[in-house]
Amino acid sequence: MTFEERRLASPSGADLAIYHMPATTPVRGLLLVNHGVAEHGRRYLNFAVSMAAQGLAVYVHDHRGHGATRSPAHLQGRFAPDGGLDAVLEDVAAVRNWAASDHPGLPIILFGHSMGGLVALNAAERDPGLYDGLAVWNANFHPGLAGRFGQGVLAVERMLKGSDVPSPILARLTFGAWARSIAERRTDFDWLSHDPMEVDRYVADPLCGFDVTVSLWIELFRMSYAGATLDRLRRLPPDMPVNLVGGGEDPATENGKAVSWLQTRMKKAGLRQVTATIYPGARHDTLNDTVRARAEQAFSAWCRSVVERSRGAPD
């Protein structure tokens, strides 16, 4: 099976590449997928096929600076020259409204992996009435003092070199450190998955693993710190179902500790339907790791409960 590829002119000015997988059983809901940093939406084909078999119409779009999406002053690894985060969130809302027009009245689940998880939570907080369920996988909303140090580094780099160049220091502190955390690694991307075939596909993909600009790093930290404040979390409906997933061997989330922290934070904000699963042994890219079948099965069950709840049926 392949995606239906579409284009959408976003109110933000971007020409969005969208990948649609129609439900292969009677459609019961919509799943909107937000991909991670330095990758693209086509990588979610297998996930989309699996979810389509559960009656979900799946929509994945390439974020600005990624994949086949184009925007004014396009540059790979950058959201926008200015106001990039606001533009990205506007794009998410545009995809949501477009998908809803295809299937009016159906429940909508917003999903995000890694950077996409940062985007998804910030988007749900921006427009809390638009979504019936929220899934945030492998995202770090608790970078702590190391994150503050990274922000300081980025401020200096922006002053000295500008915003539209890669940040070699941040790359070493993040991707480089995560690579070094795998003692017997074949590649610098083994931290993504135990599955060597999936790692090799990522390495060979020209639309993956590229350098990210200073400005995009700044936006990532902005999403991370702002999205997990209690005031922002309290914008979400208290009974909104939230699905959190992490890997017990994911260096990007401190082996899942950041995911557990977010669950505690959400409960402190008054959210009552938050579930968190940390898969022992899993690395960063759950959907392309050896636990993917188990993770997809559990997620499918959660999605069914969201759809049934939104339709007023018992869970």
Protein backbone atom coordinates (compact mmCIF):
# COMPACT_ATOMS: atom_id res chain seq x y z
CA MET A 1 0.00 0.00 0.00
CA THR A 2 1.08 3.57 -0.62
CA PHE A 3 0.05 6.98 0.58
CA GLU A 4 -2.25 9.25 -1.36
CA GLU A 5 -0.07 12.35 -1.74
CA ARG A 6 -1.73 15.75 -1.61
CA ARG A 7 -0.80 19.42 -1.30
CA LEU A 8 -2.39 22.00 0.98
CA ALA A 9 -1.88 25.76 0.94
CA SER A 10 -1.66 26.63 4.63
CA PRO A 11 -2.76 30.05 5.90
CA SER A 12 0.82 30.36 7.19
CA GLY A 13 2.05 30.59 3.60
CA ALA A 14 3.49 27.08 3.41
CA ASP A 15 2.71 24.60 0.64
CA LEU A 16 2.30 21.47 2.76
CA ALA A 17 3.03 17.96 1.53
CA ILE A 18 0.37 15.67 3.03
CA TYR A 19 0.30 11.88 2.99
CA HIS A 20 -3.15 10.33 3.39
CA MET A 21 -3.95 6.71 4.14
CA PRO A 22 -7.71 6.06 3.91
CA ALA A 23 -9.21 3.70 6.47
CA THR A 24 -9.38 0.14 5.13
CA THR A 25 -12.33 -0.74 7.37
CA PRO A 26 -15.35 1.53 7.98
CA VAL A 27 -13.88 4.86 9.03
CA ARG A 28 -14.43 5.63 12.71
CA GLY A 29 -11.97 8.43 13.40
CA LEU A 30 -9.02 10.49 12.17
CA LEU A 31 -5.36 10.21 13.16
CA LEU A 32 -3.13 13.22 12.47
CA VAL A 33 0.59 12.36 12.66
CA ASN A 34 3.46 14.79 13.37
CA HIS A 35 6.92 13.47 12.51
CA GLY A 36 10.21 14.06 14.31
CA VAL A 37 13.16 16.31 13.58
CA ALA A 38 15.33 15.60 10.53
CA GLU A 39 12.92 13.07 9.04
CA HIS A 40 9.66 13.21 7.03
CA GLY A 41 6.11 11.94 6.81
CA ARG A 42 6.65 9.11 4.33
CA ARG A 43 8.52 7.20 7.05
CA TYR A 44 5.18 6.61 8.77
CA LEU A 45 3.73 4.44 6.00
CA ASN A 46 3.74 1.16 7.96
CA PHE A 47 2.20 2.87 10.98
CA ALA A 48 -0.47 4.43 8.77
CA VAL A 49 -1.33 1.08 7.19
CA SER A 50 -1.67 -0.49 10.64
CA MET A 51 -3.91 2.30 11.93
CA ALA A 52 -6.00 2.37 8.74
CA ALA A 53 -6.86 -1.27 9.39
CA GLN A 54 -8.36 -0.11 12.70
CA GLY A 55 -10.77 2.24 10.95
CA LEU A 56 -8.69 5.40 11.23
CA ALA A 57 -8.13 7.74 8.29
CA VAL A 58 -4.49 8.81 8.68
CA TYR A 59 -2.99 12.15 7.66
CA VAL A 60 0.74 12.87 7.93
CA HIS A 61 2.30 16.12 6.76
CA ASP A 62 5.90 17.23 6.32
CA HIS A 63 6.71 20.07 8.68
CA ARG A 64 8.35 23.24 7.42
CA GLY A 65 12.01 22.67 6.62
CA HIS A 66 11.41 18.94 6.17
CA GLY A 67 10.50 16.56 3.37
CA ALA A 68 8.56 17.90 0.41
CA THR A 69 6.85 20.83 2.16
CA ARG A 70 7.86 24.22 0.81
CA SER A 71 7.42 27.63 2.39
CA PRO A 72 8.58 31.19 1.71
CA ALA A 73 12.38 31.36 2.01
CA HIS A 74 12.48 27.55 2.37
CA LEU A 75 15.60 26.14 4.00
CA GLN A 76 16.04 22.52 5.07
CA GLY A 77 16.25 22.29 8.85
CA ARG A 78 14.52 25.63 9.51
CA PHE A 79 10.87 26.37 10.23
CA ALA A 80 10.95 30.00 9.07
CA PRO A 81 13.18 33.10 9.20
CA ASP A 82 10.87 34.54 11.89
CA GLY A 83 7.88 33.22 13.82
CA GLY A 84 8.60 29.62 12.90
CA LEU A 85 6.79 28.00 15.80
CA ASP A 86 3.60 29.99 15.26
CA ALA A 87 3.69 29.04 11.58
CA VAL A 88 4.17 25.34 12.37
CA LEU A 89 1.20 25.36 14.75
CA GLU A 90 -0.88 27.16 12.11
CA ASP A 91 0.02 24.38 9.68
CA VAL A 92 -1.13 21.70 12.15
CA ALA A 93 -4.48 23.45 12.53
CA ALA A 94 -4.81 23.74 8.75
CA VAL A 95 -4.23 20.00 8.28
CA ARG A 96 -6.73 19.27 11.05
CA ASN A 97 -9.42 21.43 9.47
CA TRP A 98 -8.78 19.97 6.03
CA ALA A 99 -8.95 16.38 7.31
CA ALA A 100 -12.11 17.18 9.27
CA SER A 101 -13.72 18.50 6.10
CA ASP A 102 -13.07 15.09 4.51
CA HIS A 103 -14.78 13.32 7.43
CA PRO A 104 -17.03 15.77 9.27
CA GLY A 105 -18.13 14.83 12.76
CA LEU A 106 -15.58 12.07 13.38
CA PRO A 107 -13.28 12.11 16.44
CA ILE A 108 -9.75 13.39 15.85
CA ILE A 109 -6.60 12.09 17.54
CA LEU A 110 -3.42 14.17 17.35
CA PHE A 111 -0.19 12.13 17.42
CA GLY A 112 3.43 13.25 17.56
CA HIS A 113 6.80 11.52 17.83
CA SER A 114 9.87 13.28 19.28
CA MET A 115 9.83 16.82 17.82
CA GLY A 116 6.37 15.95 16.58
CA GLY A 117 5.38 15.27 20.19
CA LEU A 118 6.52 18.77 21.13
CA VAL A 119 4.48 20.14 18.22
CA ALA A 120 1.40 18.04 19.06
CA LEU A 121 1.18 19.13 22.70
CA ASN A 122 1.75 22.79 21.85
CA ALA A 123 -0.86 22.55 19.07
CA ALA A 124 -3.42 20.95 21.39
CA GLU A 125 -2.81 23.71 23.94
CA ARG A 126 -3.22 26.36 21.24
CA ASP A 127 -6.53 24.91 20.02
CA PRO A 128 -7.78 22.67 22.85
CA GLY A 129 -11.26 22.20 21.43
CA LEU A 130 -10.11 20.70 18.14
CA TYR A 131 -8.94 17.28 19.31
CA ASP A 132 -10.54 14.30 21.04
CA GLY A 133 -7.29 12.58 22.02
CA LEU A 134 -3.58 13.39 22.21
CA ALA A 135 -0.59 11.05 21.83
CA VAL A 136 2.92 12.29 22.67
CA TRP A 137 5.67 9.74 22.06
CA ASN A 138 9.38 9.99 22.87
CA ALA A 139 9.33 13.73 23.54
CA ASN A 140 11.43 15.49 26.18
CA PHE A 141 9.56 18.30 27.92
CA HIS A 142 12.05 18.28 30.81
CA PRO A 143 15.51 19.14 29.41
CA GLY A 144 16.50 20.69 32.75
CA LEU A 145 19.77 22.54 33.28
CA ALA A 146 21.33 20.92 30.23
CA GLY A 147 18.58 22.52 28.17
CA ARG A 148 19.21 25.92 29.70
CA PHE A 149 22.90 25.54 28.86
CA GLY A 150 21.92 24.64 25.31
CA GLN A 151 19.78 27.75 25.06
CA GLY A 152 22.76 29.83 26.17
CA VAL A 153 24.95 28.22 23.52
CA LEU A 154 22.34 28.93 20.86
CA ALA A 155 22.07 32.58 21.91
CA VAL A 156 25.83 33.00 21.46
CA GLU A 157 25.82 31.15 18.13
CA ARG A 158 22.96 33.28 16.84
CA MET A 159 24.81 36.45 17.83
CA LEU A 160 28.05 35.32 16.19
CA LYS A 161 26.84 33.42 13.12
CA GLY A 162 23.12 34.10 12.67
CA SER A 163 20.09 31.81 12.92
CA ASP A 164 20.16 30.05 9.56
CA VAL A 165 23.29 27.96 10.03
CA PRO A 166 23.72 24.58 11.74
CA SER A 167 24.73 24.42 15.38
CA PRO A 168 27.71 22.05 15.66
CA ILE A 169 27.80 22.41 19.43
CA LEU A 170 24.13 21.45 19.90
CA ALA A 171 24.61 18.57 17.47
CA ARG A 172 27.44 17.22 19.64
CA LEU A 173 25.48 17.76 22.86
CA THR A 174 22.41 15.93 21.52
CA PHE A 175 22.78 13.62 18.52
CA GLY A 176 26.47 13.09 19.20
CA ALA A 177 25.94 12.29 22.87
CA TRP A 178 23.04 9.99 22.08
CA ALA A 179 25.17 8.14 19.52
CA ARG A 180 27.99 7.72 22.05
CA SER A 181 25.56 6.26 24.59
CA ILE A 182 25.40 3.07 22.49
CA ALA A 183 28.61 1.24 23.39
CA GLU A 184 28.79 -1.21 20.47
CA ARG A 185 27.26 0.87 17.69
CA ARG A 186 27.53 0.27 13.95
CA THR A 187 26.44 3.80 13.04
CA ASP A 188 25.89 7.15 14.71
CA PHE A 189 22.13 6.51 14.53
CA ASP A 190 21.93 3.21 16.39
CA TRP A 191 20.36 5.14 19.28
CA LEU A 192 17.18 5.29 17.18
CA SER A 193 16.47 1.56 17.05
CA HIS A 194 17.68 -1.98 17.74
CA ASP A 195 16.61 -2.94 14.20
CA PRO A 196 19.67 -2.58 11.93
CA MET A 197 17.54 -2.54 8.77
CA GLU A 198 15.55 0.45 10.03
CA VAL A 199 18.71 2.26 11.07
CA ASP A 200 20.24 1.63 7.64
CA ARG A 201 17.10 2.94 5.93
CA TYR A 202 17.33 6.13 7.97
CA VAL A 203 21.04 6.58 7.21
CA ALA A 204 20.47 6.02 3.48
CA ASP A 205 17.52 8.42 3.27
CA PRO A 206 18.65 11.83 1.94
CA LEU A 207 15.71 13.47 3.73
CA CYS A 208 16.82 12.18 7.14
CA GLY A 209 19.64 12.97 9.52
CA PHE A 210 20.44 16.42 8.14
CA ASP A 211 21.82 19.33 10.17
CA VAL A 212 19.31 21.52 12.00
CA THR A 213 19.64 25.29 12.12
CA VAL A 214 20.19 27.42 15.19
CA SER A 215 16.69 28.88 14.79
CA LEU A 216 15.01 25.46 14.75
CA TRP A 217 16.91 24.41 17.88
CA ILE A 218 15.68 27.58 19.58
CA GLU A 219 12.09 26.74 18.63
CA LEU A 220 12.48 23.18 19.96
CA PHE A 221 13.57 24.44 23.36
CA ARG A 222 10.78 27.00 23.30
CA MET A 223 8.21 24.26 22.72
CA SER A 224 9.77 22.04 25.35
CA TYR A 225 9.77 24.55 28.19
CA ALA A 226 6.54 26.38 27.35
CA GLY A 227 4.46 23.31 26.56
CA ALA A 228 4.88 21.75 29.99
CA THR A 229 4.04 24.76 32.15
CA LEU A 230 1.05 24.15 34.39
CA ASP A 231 -0.80 27.14 32.94
CA ARG A 232 -0.45 25.76 29.43
CA LEU A 233 -1.34 22.19 30.39
CA ARG A 234 -4.48 23.46 32.11
CA ARG A 235 -5.75 24.70 28.75
CA LEU A 236 -6.44 21.07 27.86
CA PRO A 237 -9.81 19.60 28.84
CA PRO A 238 -9.35 17.74 32.15
CA ASP A 239 -10.88 14.57 30.69
CA MET A 240 -8.93 14.60 27.43
CA PRO A 241 -7.36 11.16 26.87
CA VAL A 242 -3.57 11.47 26.64
CA ASN A 243 -1.25 8.65 25.55
CA LEU A 244 2.45 8.94 26.44
CA VAL A 245 5.12 6.49 25.26
CA GLY A 246 8.85 6.27 25.90
CA GLY A 247 11.74 3.86 25.56
CA GLY A 248 13.67 2.45 28.48
CA GLU A 249 16.90 2.81 26.47
CA ASP A 250 16.14 6.11 24.74
CA PRO A 251 18.95 8.58 25.49
CA ALA A 252 16.89 11.49 24.10
CA THR A 253 14.39 11.13 26.97
CA GLU A 254 16.85 9.99 29.65
CA ASN A 255 15.72 6.40 29.16
CA GLY A 256 12.08 7.36 29.47
CA LYS A 257 12.42 9.47 32.61
CA ALA A 258 11.30 12.61 30.76
CA VAL A 259 8.14 10.80 29.64
CA SER A 260 7.31 9.75 33.20
CA TRP A 261 8.00 13.32 34.32
CA LEU A 262 5.47 14.62 31.78
CA GLN A 263 2.84 12.19 33.04
CA THR A 264 3.33 13.46 36.60
CA ARG A 265 3.25 17.05 35.38
CA MET A 266 0.01 16.52 33.47
CA LYS A 267 -1.66 14.91 36.47
CA LYS A 268 -0.55 17.84 38.61
CA ALA A 269 -2.24 20.14 36.08
CA GLY A 270 -5.50 18.26 36.62
CA LEU A 271 -5.55 15.98 33.58
CA ARG A 272 -7.32 12.79 34.60
CA GLN A 273 -6.97 10.49 31.57
CA VAL A 274 -3.18 10.28 31.14
CA THR A 275 -1.57 6.91 30.45
CA ALA A 276 2.18 6.39 30.08
CA THR A 277 4.05 3.32 28.85
CA ILE A 278 7.82 2.96 29.00
CA TYR A 279 8.88 0.00 26.87
CA PRO A 280 11.88 -1.72 28.50
CA GLY A 281 14.83 -1.96 26.14
CA ALA A 282 13.27 0.29 23.49
CA ARG A 283 15.32 3.09 21.98
CA HIS A 284 14.05 6.38 20.55
CA ASP A 285 12.07 5.45 17.44
CA THR A 286 9.37 3.17 18.87
CA LEU A 287 7.56 2.73 15.56
CA ASN A 288 10.75 1.46 13.90
CA ASP A 289 12.16 -0.53 16.81
CA THR A 290 11.73 -4.18 17.75
CA VAL A 291 8.80 -3.33 20.07
CA ARG A 292 6.75 -1.75 17.29
CA ALA A 293 4.14 -4.53 16.99
CA ARG A 294 3.42 -4.47 20.71
CA ALA A 295 3.36 -0.66 20.76
CA GLU A 296 1.02 -0.44 17.76
CA GLN A 297 -1.33 -3.02 19.28
CA ALA A 298 -1.55 -1.08 22.54
CA PHE A 299 -2.00 2.21 20.70
CA SER A 300 -4.78 0.73 18.55
CA ALA A 301 -6.65 -0.29 21.69
CA TRP A 302 -6.23 3.19 23.14
CA CYS A 303 -7.48 4.78 19.91
CA ARG A 304 -10.57 2.56 19.99
CA SER A 305 -11.33 3.74 23.51
CA VAL A 306 -10.98 7.38 22.42
CA VAL A 307 -13.31 6.86 19.46
CA GLU A 308 -15.89 5.03 21.58
CA ARG A 309 -15.71 7.67 24.29
CA SER A 310 -16.20 10.54 21.85
CA ARG A 311 -19.23 8.78 20.39
CA GLY A 312 -20.74 8.32 23.82
CA ALA A 313 -20.27 4.55 23.88
CA PRO A 314 -18.85 2.78 26.91
CA ASP A 315 -15.08 2.15 26.87
